[in-house]
């Protein structure tokens, strides 16, 4: 089932935070990140969303890349957080905590 447009827009706004959080756990390549996030149905992101975001964040200096192999397969581009990427993750996670708490308070008061 295809999500409504508003769901897609909300998730697009959070893709950077989700990618930074995933890479905080371990270095990984794009498709593996997509699969790992997609284990939670609310975090299913398409390749056409993730790969441009990873490229942009690498150009911005938030991520570093290197070539590596996983299990004897072809070489893949792995992503890892830079110092700036880690700092951005910390800032985004703190803001997310504040924002989600404020939104939850509003939603709860309306129930």
N, C-alpha and C. Protein backbone atom coordinates (compact mmCIF):
# COMPACT_ATOMS: atom_id res chain seq x y z
N UNK A 1 0.84 -1.19 0.00
CA UNK A 1 0.00 0.00 0.00
C UNK A 1 0.88 1.24 0.00
N UNK A 2 0.60 2.15 -0.88
CA UNK A 2 1.36 3.39 -1.01
C UNK A 2 0.94 4.38 0.09
N UNK A 3 1.91 4.98 0.80
CA UNK A 3 1.53 5.94 1.85
C UNK A 3 0.96 7.22 1.25
N UNK A 4 0.13 7.89 2.03
CA UNK A 4 -0.40 9.18 1.62
C UNK A 4 0.75 10.16 1.47
N UNK A 5 0.54 11.21 0.67
CA UNK A 5 1.59 12.19 0.40
C UNK A 5 2.12 12.84 1.68
N UNK A 6 1.24 13.08 2.65
CA UNK A 6 1.70 13.75 3.88
C UNK A 6 2.65 12.85 4.67
N UNK A 7 2.42 11.53 4.63
CA UNK A 7 3.31 10.59 5.31
C UNK A 7 4.70 10.64 4.66
N UNK A 8 4.72 10.62 3.35
CA UNK A 8 5.98 10.70 2.61
C UNK A 8 6.72 11.97 2.95
N UNK A 9 6.01 13.09 3.01
CA UNK A 9 6.65 14.36 3.32
C UNK A 9 7.22 14.38 4.74
N UNK A 10 6.50 13.83 5.69
CA UNK A 10 7.01 13.79 7.07
C UNK A 10 8.28 12.95 7.13
N UNK A 11 8.28 11.81 6.46
CA UNK A 11 9.46 10.94 6.49
C UNK A 11 10.64 11.59 5.79
N UNK A 12 10.39 12.28 4.67
CA UNK A 12 11.49 12.97 3.97
C UNK A 12 12.16 13.99 4.87
N UNK A 13 11.37 14.64 5.72
CA UNK A 13 11.94 15.61 6.64
C UNK A 13 12.83 14.99 7.70
N UNK A 14 12.71 13.69 7.89
CA UNK A 14 13.48 13.01 8.94
C UNK A 14 14.57 12.09 8.38
N UNK A 15 14.71 12.04 7.07
CA UNK A 15 15.66 11.09 6.49
C UNK A 15 17.09 11.35 6.96
N UNK A 16 17.51 12.62 7.04
CA UNK A 16 18.88 12.90 7.48
C UNK A 16 19.13 12.39 8.89
N UNK A 17 18.21 12.65 9.79
CA UNK A 17 18.37 12.19 11.17
C UNK A 17 18.43 10.66 11.20
N UNK A 18 17.58 9.99 10.46
CA UNK A 18 17.58 8.53 10.46
C UNK A 18 18.88 7.97 9.89
N UNK A 19 19.39 8.57 8.82
CA UNK A 19 20.64 8.10 8.23
C UNK A 19 21.81 8.33 9.17
N UNK A 20 21.87 9.51 9.78
CA UNK A 20 22.95 9.78 10.73
C UNK A 20 22.89 8.83 11.91
N UNK A 21 21.69 8.56 12.41
CA UNK A 21 21.54 7.64 13.53
C UNK A 21 21.98 6.23 13.14
N UNK A 22 21.61 5.78 11.94
CA UNK A 22 22.01 4.46 11.48
C UNK A 22 23.53 4.36 11.36
N UNK A 23 24.17 5.41 10.89
CA UNK A 23 25.62 5.39 10.72
C UNK A 23 26.35 5.61 12.03
N UNK A 24 25.67 6.11 13.01
CA UNK A 24 26.28 6.24 14.34
C UNK A 24 26.53 4.85 14.91
N UNK A 25 25.65 3.92 14.58
CA UNK A 25 25.77 2.55 15.07
C UNK A 25 26.94 1.83 14.40
N UNK A 26 27.07 1.97 13.08
CA UNK A 26 28.17 1.32 12.36
C UNK A 26 28.26 1.86 10.95
N UNK A 27 29.46 1.79 10.37
CA UNK A 27 29.65 2.15 8.97
C UNK A 27 28.83 1.16 8.13
N UNK A 28 28.31 1.65 7.02
CA UNK A 28 27.53 0.75 6.18
C UNK A 28 27.42 1.30 4.78
N UNK A 29 26.93 0.47 3.86
CA UNK A 29 26.69 0.90 2.48
C UNK A 29 25.20 1.18 2.31
N UNK A 30 24.87 1.92 1.27
CA UNK A 30 23.52 2.43 1.09
C UNK A 30 22.41 1.41 1.19
N UNK A 31 22.50 0.33 0.43
CA UNK A 31 21.40 -0.64 0.42
C UNK A 31 21.22 -1.28 1.79
N UNK A 32 22.31 -1.55 2.49
CA UNK A 32 22.21 -2.15 3.83
C UNK A 32 21.54 -1.19 4.80
N UNK A 33 21.81 0.11 4.65
CA UNK A 33 21.15 1.11 5.51
C UNK A 33 19.65 1.11 5.24
N UNK A 34 19.30 1.08 3.96
CA UNK A 34 17.88 1.05 3.57
C UNK A 34 17.19 -0.17 4.19
N UNK A 35 17.83 -1.33 4.08
CA UNK A 35 17.25 -2.55 4.64
C UNK A 35 17.13 -2.47 6.16
N UNK A 36 18.18 -1.96 6.81
CA UNK A 36 18.16 -1.89 8.27
C UNK A 36 17.05 -0.95 8.76
N UNK A 37 16.94 0.23 8.16
CA UNK A 37 15.88 1.15 8.56
C UNK A 37 14.51 0.57 8.24
N UNK A 38 14.41 -0.12 7.10
CA UNK A 38 13.13 -0.66 6.65
C UNK A 38 12.58 -1.78 7.49
N UNK A 39 13.35 -2.28 8.44
CA UNK A 39 12.82 -3.30 9.35
C UNK A 39 11.69 -2.73 10.19
N UNK A 40 11.68 -1.41 10.31
CA UNK A 40 10.57 -0.73 10.97
C UNK A 40 9.71 -0.15 9.85
N UNK A 41 8.46 -0.59 9.71
CA UNK A 41 7.63 -0.13 8.59
C UNK A 41 7.49 1.39 8.49
N UNK A 42 7.61 2.10 9.59
CA UNK A 42 7.50 3.56 9.54
C UNK A 42 8.74 4.20 8.93
N UNK A 43 9.81 3.43 8.78
CA UNK A 43 11.07 3.99 8.28
C UNK A 43 11.49 3.39 6.94
N UNK A 44 10.52 3.00 6.13
CA UNK A 44 10.83 2.49 4.80
C UNK A 44 11.11 3.68 3.90
N UNK A 45 12.37 3.76 3.45
CA UNK A 45 12.78 4.83 2.54
C UNK A 45 13.19 4.19 1.22
N UNK A 46 12.89 4.85 0.13
CA UNK A 46 13.27 4.33 -1.18
C UNK A 46 14.73 4.66 -1.49
N UNK A 47 15.29 3.93 -2.44
CA UNK A 47 16.65 4.22 -2.88
C UNK A 47 16.74 5.63 -3.43
N UNK A 48 15.69 6.09 -4.10
CA UNK A 48 15.72 7.43 -4.70
C UNK A 48 15.66 8.53 -3.65
N UNK A 49 15.37 8.18 -2.40
CA UNK A 49 15.43 9.14 -1.30
C UNK A 49 16.77 9.04 -0.59
N UNK A 50 17.23 7.83 -0.34
CA UNK A 50 18.42 7.61 0.48
C UNK A 50 19.71 7.98 -0.24
N UNK A 51 19.90 7.49 -1.47
CA UNK A 51 21.18 7.73 -2.14
C UNK A 51 21.48 9.21 -2.38
N UNK A 52 20.51 10.01 -2.83
CA UNK A 52 20.80 11.45 -2.96
C UNK A 52 21.12 12.10 -1.61
N UNK A 53 20.44 11.67 -0.56
CA UNK A 53 20.70 12.24 0.77
C UNK A 53 22.10 11.88 1.23
N UNK A 54 22.52 10.62 1.02
CA UNK A 54 23.88 10.22 1.40
C UNK A 54 24.91 11.02 0.62
N UNK A 55 24.70 11.19 -0.68
CA UNK A 55 25.62 11.98 -1.50
C UNK A 55 25.70 13.42 -1.05
N UNK A 56 24.56 14.01 -0.76
CA UNK A 56 24.53 15.41 -0.30
C UNK A 56 25.25 15.55 1.03
N UNK A 57 24.99 14.63 1.95
CA UNK A 57 25.63 14.72 3.27
C UNK A 57 27.14 14.50 3.15
N UNK A 58 27.57 13.66 2.21
CA UNK A 58 29.01 13.48 1.98
C UNK A 58 29.62 14.78 1.43
N UNK A 59 28.94 15.42 0.48
CA UNK A 59 29.44 16.69 -0.07
C UNK A 59 29.50 17.78 1.00
N UNK A 60 28.56 17.73 1.94
CA UNK A 60 28.53 18.72 3.03
C UNK A 60 29.57 18.42 4.11
N UNK A 61 30.25 17.29 4.01
CA UNK A 61 31.27 16.94 4.98
C UNK A 61 30.75 16.24 6.22
N UNK A 62 29.49 15.82 6.20
CA UNK A 62 28.91 15.12 7.35
C UNK A 62 29.27 13.64 7.34
N UNK A 63 29.56 13.11 6.15
CA UNK A 63 29.92 11.71 5.98
C UNK A 63 31.22 11.61 5.21
N UNK A 64 31.97 10.54 5.47
CA UNK A 64 33.13 10.18 4.68
C UNK A 64 32.78 8.87 4.00
N UNK A 65 33.40 8.60 2.88
CA UNK A 65 33.16 7.35 2.16
C UNK A 65 34.47 6.61 1.96
N UNK A 66 34.34 5.31 1.81
CA UNK A 66 35.48 4.46 1.46
C UNK A 66 34.96 3.21 0.78
N UNK A 67 35.83 2.56 0.03
CA UNK A 67 35.46 1.33 -0.66
C UNK A 67 35.75 0.15 0.24
N UNK A 68 34.84 -0.79 0.27
CA UNK A 68 35.03 -1.99 1.07
C UNK A 68 34.24 -3.13 0.49
N UNK A 69 34.55 -4.34 0.95
CA UNK A 69 33.83 -5.52 0.50
C UNK A 69 33.15 -6.18 1.69
N UNK A 70 32.00 -6.74 1.41
CA UNK A 70 31.22 -7.41 2.44
C UNK A 70 30.98 -8.84 2.01
N UNK A 71 31.64 -9.78 2.67
CA UNK A 71 31.41 -11.20 2.38
C UNK A 71 31.85 -11.65 1.00
N UNK A 72 32.91 -11.05 0.46
CA UNK A 72 33.44 -11.50 -0.82
C UNK A 72 32.69 -10.99 -2.03
N UNK A 73 31.69 -10.16 -1.83
CA UNK A 73 30.94 -9.60 -2.96
C UNK A 73 31.70 -8.46 -3.60
N UNK A 74 31.03 -7.72 -4.45
CA UNK A 74 31.69 -6.59 -5.12
C UNK A 74 32.02 -5.48 -4.12
N UNK A 75 32.98 -4.65 -4.49
CA UNK A 75 33.33 -3.50 -3.64
C UNK A 75 32.13 -2.56 -3.57
N UNK A 76 31.91 -2.04 -2.39
CA UNK A 76 30.79 -1.13 -2.16
C UNK A 76 31.30 0.17 -1.56
N UNK A 77 30.54 1.22 -1.74
CA UNK A 77 30.86 2.49 -1.10
C UNK A 77 30.25 2.48 0.29
N UNK A 78 31.11 2.53 1.28
CA UNK A 78 30.68 2.59 2.67
C UNK A 78 30.67 4.04 3.14
N UNK A 79 29.75 4.32 4.03
CA UNK A 79 29.61 5.65 4.61
C UNK A 79 29.93 5.57 6.10
N UNK A 80 30.59 6.59 6.59
CA UNK A 80 30.90 6.70 8.01
C UNK A 80 30.71 8.16 8.43
N UNK A 81 30.36 8.37 9.68
CA UNK A 81 30.18 9.74 10.16
C UNK A 81 31.52 10.44 10.29
N UNK A 82 31.58 11.68 9.87
CA UNK A 82 32.74 12.53 10.14
C UNK A 82 32.50 13.18 11.51
N UNK A 83 33.46 13.93 11.99
CA UNK A 83 33.24 14.67 13.25
C UNK A 83 32.05 15.61 13.11
N UNK A 84 31.99 16.31 11.96
CA UNK A 84 30.86 17.21 11.73
C UNK A 84 29.54 16.44 11.67
N UNK A 85 29.58 15.24 11.10
CA UNK A 85 28.38 14.42 11.03
C UNK A 85 27.92 13.98 12.41
N UNK A 86 28.88 13.63 13.25
CA UNK A 86 28.52 13.25 14.62
C UNK A 86 27.93 14.45 15.35
N UNK A 87 28.53 15.62 15.19
CA UNK A 87 28.00 16.83 15.83
C UNK A 87 26.59 17.16 15.32
N UNK A 88 26.38 16.98 14.01
CA UNK A 88 25.05 17.23 13.45
C UNK A 88 24.05 16.24 14.02
N UNK A 89 24.46 14.96 14.14
CA UNK A 89 23.58 13.95 14.72
C UNK A 89 23.18 14.35 16.14
N UNK A 90 24.13 14.74 16.95
CA UNK A 90 23.84 15.13 18.34
C UNK A 90 22.85 16.30 18.37
N UNK A 91 23.08 17.30 17.52
CA UNK A 91 22.18 18.46 17.48
C UNK A 91 20.79 18.07 17.00
N UNK A 92 20.73 17.27 15.95
CA UNK A 92 19.42 16.86 15.41
C UNK A 92 18.67 15.98 16.39
N UNK A 93 19.37 15.07 17.06
CA UNK A 93 18.71 14.19 18.03
C UNK A 93 18.16 15.00 19.21
N UNK A 94 18.91 15.99 19.65
CA UNK A 94 18.44 16.84 20.75
C UNK A 94 17.20 17.62 20.32
N UNK A 95 17.25 18.18 19.10
CA UNK A 95 16.09 18.94 18.62
C UNK A 95 14.90 18.01 18.42
N UNK A 96 15.14 16.81 17.88
CA UNK A 96 14.06 15.85 17.69
C UNK A 96 13.39 15.53 19.02
N UNK A 97 14.18 15.33 20.05
CA UNK A 97 13.63 15.02 21.36
C UNK A 97 12.74 16.15 21.86
N UNK A 98 13.22 17.38 21.70
CA UNK A 98 12.43 18.55 22.11
C UNK A 98 11.16 18.67 21.27
N UNK A 99 11.30 18.55 19.98
CA UNK A 99 10.17 18.70 19.06
C UNK A 99 9.13 17.61 19.25
N UNK A 100 9.59 16.35 19.32
CA UNK A 100 8.63 15.26 19.46
C UNK A 100 7.90 15.33 20.80
N UNK A 101 8.60 15.77 21.85
CA UNK A 101 7.94 15.95 23.14
C UNK A 101 6.87 17.02 23.09
N UNK A 102 7.17 18.12 22.41
CA UNK A 102 6.20 19.22 22.29
C UNK A 102 4.99 18.78 21.47
N UNK A 103 5.24 18.06 20.38
CA UNK A 103 4.13 17.59 19.55
C UNK A 103 3.29 16.57 20.30
N UNK A 104 3.94 15.66 21.01
CA UNK A 104 3.20 14.66 21.79
C UNK A 104 2.33 15.34 22.84
N UNK A 105 2.83 16.39 23.47
CA UNK A 105 2.03 17.12 24.46
C UNK A 105 0.80 17.73 23.82
N UNK A 106 0.94 18.29 22.63
CA UNK A 106 -0.21 18.89 21.95
C UNK A 106 -1.20 17.80 21.54
N UNK A 107 -0.70 16.73 20.96
CA UNK A 107 -1.57 15.65 20.51
C UNK A 107 -2.30 15.02 21.70
N UNK A 108 -1.59 14.79 22.80
CA UNK A 108 -2.19 14.18 23.99
C UNK A 108 -3.27 15.09 24.59
N UNK A 109 -3.05 16.39 24.55
CA UNK A 109 -4.05 17.30 25.13
C UNK A 109 -5.32 17.38 24.29
N UNK A 110 -5.23 17.00 23.03
CA UNK A 110 -6.39 17.03 22.13
C UNK A 110 -7.17 15.72 22.14
N UNK A 111 -6.67 14.70 22.80
CA UNK A 111 -7.34 13.40 22.79
C UNK A 111 -8.54 13.37 23.69
